[in-house]
Amino acid sequence: MKICPEKTNKEAIFFEHGQLVLALSAAAVILCLCFFDIPIAEFFHTFPSAWRRSLKFLTNLIDPKYNNYVWPLVFFLFRYLLKKQVWGNRILLVLISIPLGNFFVWILKFIFGRARPDLLFSKHLYGFHFFEWNWHLESFPSGHAAGIGAICGAFACFYPRLSALFLVVGFSLALTRVGLGVHFLSDVIAGFTIGLLIAQWTYILMKEQKTRFYHSSN
């Protein structure tokens, strides 16, 4: 049976329950900061190089550098070459949501100035150095996680019944940042939540502007 986007009253389900999502995410971030970030980072720090190569491949799938090129091309293909306006609008949602989510992430990175895991092992630094602009102090939140969160949030609007699947697959990809030792678990949770909610907020705003996300027969 062909799977078609579902037009329901609960398309942006994560944003509609935004307070709950934020509360759960904030609680998870605090717990990780206090109890889990360091043990998990230490576990992956000793990971075999073969596993790291696999994680590197997977993390490249959510690299913002690639997203910034791939999604504009996909949008151009659907909207102008294939003349698929509805699908073009769906891709446009992703195209807007990813940089918008990363914009908020960059601001938070600068504000919090959190030390990355490499500083934990090289200089025993763990915590926040507010208003520092340095790659080694840009751990919180994760930009990669925000990007995949935005993609999952966008497609969950069109396929709300698959929201849980998008959540699991997307967050699993985001966890590669922890496995590679460039982010703590709390960074990934925060980034993924930001991307998820911003994509669904953008979807609501675009719908208010009469953006067509569905064929008239739906």
Protein backbone atom coordinates (compact mmCIF):
# COMPACT_ATOMS: atom_id res chain seq x y z
CA MET A 1 0.00 0.00 0.00
CA LYS A 2 1.34 3.41 -0.97
CA ILE A 3 2.21 5.68 1.95
CA CYS A 4 0.95 9.22 1.42
CA PRO A 5 1.38 12.27 3.64
CA GLU A 6 -1.40 12.43 6.21
CA LYS A 7 -3.39 15.61 6.64
CA THR A 8 -4.62 15.45 10.23
CA ASN A 9 -5.32 17.76 13.12
CA LYS A 10 -2.14 16.60 14.83
CA GLU A 11 0.50 17.21 12.17
CA ALA A 12 2.94 19.19 14.35
CA ILE A 13 2.48 16.90 17.32
CA PHE A 14 5.82 17.70 18.99
CA PHE A 15 5.20 21.45 18.81
CA GLU A 16 1.62 21.06 20.02
CA HIS A 17 3.06 19.37 23.11
CA GLY A 18 6.03 21.73 23.15
CA GLN A 19 5.95 22.42 26.88
CA LEU A 20 6.09 18.72 27.68
CA VAL A 21 8.84 18.12 25.11
CA LEU A 22 10.90 21.00 26.52
CA ALA A 23 10.36 19.87 30.10
CA LEU A 24 11.42 16.29 29.35
CA SER A 25 14.40 17.44 27.33
CA ALA A 26 15.51 19.90 30.02
CA ALA A 27 15.26 17.19 32.68
CA ALA A 28 17.28 14.80 30.49
CA VAL A 29 19.93 17.45 29.84
CA ILE A 30 20.30 18.21 33.56
CA LEU A 31 20.56 14.52 34.45
CA CYS A 32 23.20 13.99 31.79
CA LEU A 33 25.18 17.04 32.92
CA CYS A 34 25.24 15.77 36.49
CA PHE A 35 25.53 12.01 36.10
CA PHE A 36 25.87 10.57 32.60
CA ASP A 37 27.90 12.83 30.29
CA ILE A 38 31.34 11.99 31.65
CA PRO A 39 30.89 8.18 32.01
CA ILE A 40 29.45 7.92 28.50
CA ALA A 41 32.24 10.08 27.06
CA GLU A 42 34.83 7.92 28.82
CA PHE A 43 33.23 4.77 27.41
CA PHE A 44 33.38 5.99 23.80
CA HIS A 45 36.86 7.45 24.28
CA THR A 46 38.24 3.90 24.21
CA PHE A 47 36.16 2.80 21.22
CA PRO A 48 38.09 0.79 18.55
CA SER A 49 39.09 2.75 15.44
CA ALA A 50 37.05 0.43 13.19
CA TRP A 51 33.87 1.43 14.98
CA ARG A 52 34.85 5.07 14.74
CA ARG A 53 35.13 4.82 10.97
CA SER A 54 31.57 3.50 10.80
CA LEU A 55 30.35 6.29 13.08
CA LYS A 56 32.17 8.83 10.91
CA PHE A 57 30.30 7.62 7.84
CA LEU A 58 26.94 7.86 9.63
CA THR A 59 27.65 11.28 11.10
CA ASN A 60 28.47 12.61 7.63
CA LEU A 61 24.84 11.93 6.71
CA ILE A 62 23.77 14.70 9.11
CA ASP A 63 26.68 17.08 8.56
CA PRO A 64 25.35 20.66 8.18
CA LYS A 65 27.91 21.29 5.41
CA TYR A 66 26.31 18.62 3.24
CA ASN A 67 22.76 19.58 4.19
CA ASN A 68 23.44 23.13 3.02
CA TYR A 69 24.15 21.79 -0.47
CA VAL A 70 21.87 18.77 -0.75
CA TRP A 71 18.54 20.25 0.29
CA PRO A 72 18.70 23.31 -2.04
CA LEU A 73 19.42 20.94 -4.94
CA VAL A 74 16.54 18.66 -3.96
CA PHE A 75 14.25 21.67 -3.67
CA PHE A 76 15.29 22.92 -7.12
CA LEU A 77 14.75 19.46 -8.59
CA PHE A 78 11.22 19.00 -7.24
CA ARG A 79 9.98 22.58 -7.47
CA TYR A 80 11.33 23.69 -10.84
CA LEU A 81 12.53 20.71 -12.89
CA LEU A 82 9.83 18.21 -11.94
CA LYS A 83 7.21 20.96 -11.38
CA LYS A 84 6.06 19.32 -8.13
CA GLN A 85 4.87 22.34 -6.17
CA VAL A 86 3.58 20.42 -3.16
CA TRP A 87 6.74 18.37 -2.78
CA GLY A 88 8.77 21.49 -3.41
CA ASN A 89 7.03 23.15 -0.46
CA ARG A 90 7.74 20.15 1.75
CA ILE A 91 11.43 20.30 0.88
CA LEU A 92 11.34 24.06 1.40
CA LEU A 93 10.23 23.44 4.99
CA VAL A 94 13.38 21.37 5.57
CA LEU A 95 15.49 23.91 3.70
CA ILE A 96 14.33 26.70 6.01
CA SER A 97 14.27 24.71 9.24
CA ILE A 98 17.87 23.45 9.18
CA PRO A 99 19.64 26.86 9.03
CA LEU A 100 17.04 28.40 11.34
CA GLY A 101 17.69 25.71 13.94
CA ASN A 102 21.44 26.08 13.54
CA PHE A 103 21.16 29.85 13.96
CA PHE A 104 19.66 29.34 17.42
CA VAL A 105 22.28 26.68 18.14
CA TRP A 106 25.15 29.02 17.25
CA ILE A 107 23.78 31.67 19.59
CA LEU A 108 23.56 29.16 22.44
CA LYS A 109 27.05 27.84 21.68
CA PHE A 110 28.44 31.33 22.15
CA ILE A 111 26.42 31.98 25.30
CA PHE A 112 27.30 28.73 27.07
CA GLY A 113 30.82 28.13 25.78
CA ARG A 114 30.80 24.52 26.85
CA ALA A 115 34.04 22.54 26.69
CA ARG A 116 34.02 19.63 24.24
CA PRO A 117 34.94 16.11 25.36
CA ASP A 118 38.48 16.43 23.98
CA LEU A 119 39.22 19.05 26.64
CA LEU A 120 37.95 16.68 29.29
CA PHE A 121 40.64 14.16 28.37
CA SER A 122 43.46 16.55 27.46
CA LYS A 123 43.06 19.29 30.10
CA HIS A 124 40.47 17.87 32.51
CA LEU A 125 38.05 20.69 31.64
CA TYR A 126 34.34 20.02 31.99
CA GLY A 127 31.67 22.66 32.11
CA PHE A 128 30.77 26.06 30.75
CA HIS A 129 32.93 29.06 29.87
CA PHE A 130 30.30 31.62 29.00
CA PHE A 131 30.62 33.89 25.96
CA GLU A 132 33.70 32.17 24.55
CA TRP A 133 34.01 31.76 20.78
CA ASN A 134 36.28 28.79 20.16
CA TRP A 135 35.61 25.43 18.48
CA HIS A 136 36.75 23.57 21.59
CA LEU A 137 34.20 25.56 23.61
CA GLU A 138 31.22 25.09 21.28
CA SER A 139 29.90 21.76 22.50
CA PHE A 140 26.42 22.80 23.67
CA PRO A 141 24.12 22.29 21.81
CA SER A 142 25.05 20.04 18.88
CA GLY A 143 24.55 21.57 15.43
CA HIS A 144 24.51 18.17 13.74
CA ALA A 145 21.77 17.03 16.12
CA ALA A 146 19.77 20.18 15.42
CA GLY A 147 19.98 19.49 11.69
CA ILE A 148 18.70 15.93 11.87
CA GLY A 149 16.13 17.04 14.44
CA ALA A 150 14.83 19.60 11.96
CA ILE A 151 14.56 16.98 9.21
CA CYS A 152 12.71 14.59 11.51
CA GLY A 153 10.42 17.33 12.78
CA ALA A 154 9.55 18.38 9.25
CA PHE A 155 8.71 14.91 7.94
CA ALA A 156 6.82 14.06 11.12
CA CYS A 157 4.40 16.82 10.11
CA PHE A 158 3.57 14.95 6.90
CA TYR A 159 3.63 11.47 8.40
CA PRO A 160 2.53 11.96 12.04
CA ARG A 161 1.91 8.24 12.53
CA LEU A 162 5.61 7.68 11.86
CA SER A 163 6.71 10.36 14.32
CA ALA A 164 8.14 7.82 16.77
CA LEU A 165 10.13 6.14 14.00
CA PHE A 166 11.58 9.46 12.84
CA LEU A 167 12.46 10.24 16.44
CA VAL A 168 14.31 6.95 16.99
CA VAL A 169 16.18 6.93 13.67
CA GLY A 170 17.07 10.62 13.80
CA PHE A 171 18.25 10.56 17.40
CA SER A 172 20.28 7.42 16.72
CA LEU A 173 22.13 9.26 13.95
CA ALA A 174 22.64 12.23 16.25
CA LEU A 175 24.22 9.93 18.83
CA THR A 176 27.13 9.35 16.46
CA ARG A 177 28.40 12.74 17.67
CA VAL A 178 28.75 11.25 21.14
CA GLY A 179 30.44 8.12 19.79
CA LEU A 180 33.02 10.23 17.95
CA GLY A 181 33.81 12.19 21.08
CA VAL A 182 32.90 15.64 19.73
CA HIS A 183 29.78 16.12 21.89
CA PHE A 184 28.33 14.99 25.18
CA LEU A 185 24.95 13.29 25.35
CA SER A 186 23.32 16.41 26.82
CA ASP A 187 24.55 18.44 23.80
CA VAL A 188 22.85 16.03 21.43
CA ILE A 189 19.57 16.00 23.37
CA ALA A 190 19.44 19.81 23.42
CA GLY A 191 20.34 20.21 19.76
CA PHE A 192 17.91 17.56 18.55
CA THR A 193 15.06 19.13 20.54
CA ILE A 194 15.79 22.57 19.12
CA GLY A 195 15.75 21.33 15.53
CA LEU A 196 12.63 19.23 16.10
CA LEU A 197 10.55 22.06 17.56
CA ILE A 198 11.78 24.76 15.18
CA ALA A 199 10.87 22.65 12.15
CA GLN A 200 7.34 22.12 13.41
CA TRP A 201 6.97 25.77 14.41
CA THR A 202 8.10 26.73 10.88
CA TYR A 203 5.55 24.31 9.44
CA ILE A 204 2.74 26.02 11.36
CA LEU A 205 3.89 29.47 10.21
CA MET A 206 4.08 28.35 6.59
CA LYS A 207 0.61 26.83 6.77
CA GLU A 208 -0.71 30.14 8.10
CA GLN A 209 0.70 31.74 4.94
CA LYS A 210 -1.36 29.29 2.85
CA THR A 211 1.63 27.19 1.79
CA ARG A 212 0.37 24.08 0.02
CA PHE A 213 1.78 20.95 1.64
CA TYR A 214 -0.93 18.57 0.40
CA HIS A 215 -2.63 17.81 -2.87
CA SER A 216 -6.22 18.97 -3.07
CA SER A 217 -7.38 15.34 -3.18
CA ASN A 218 -6.01 14.71 0.36
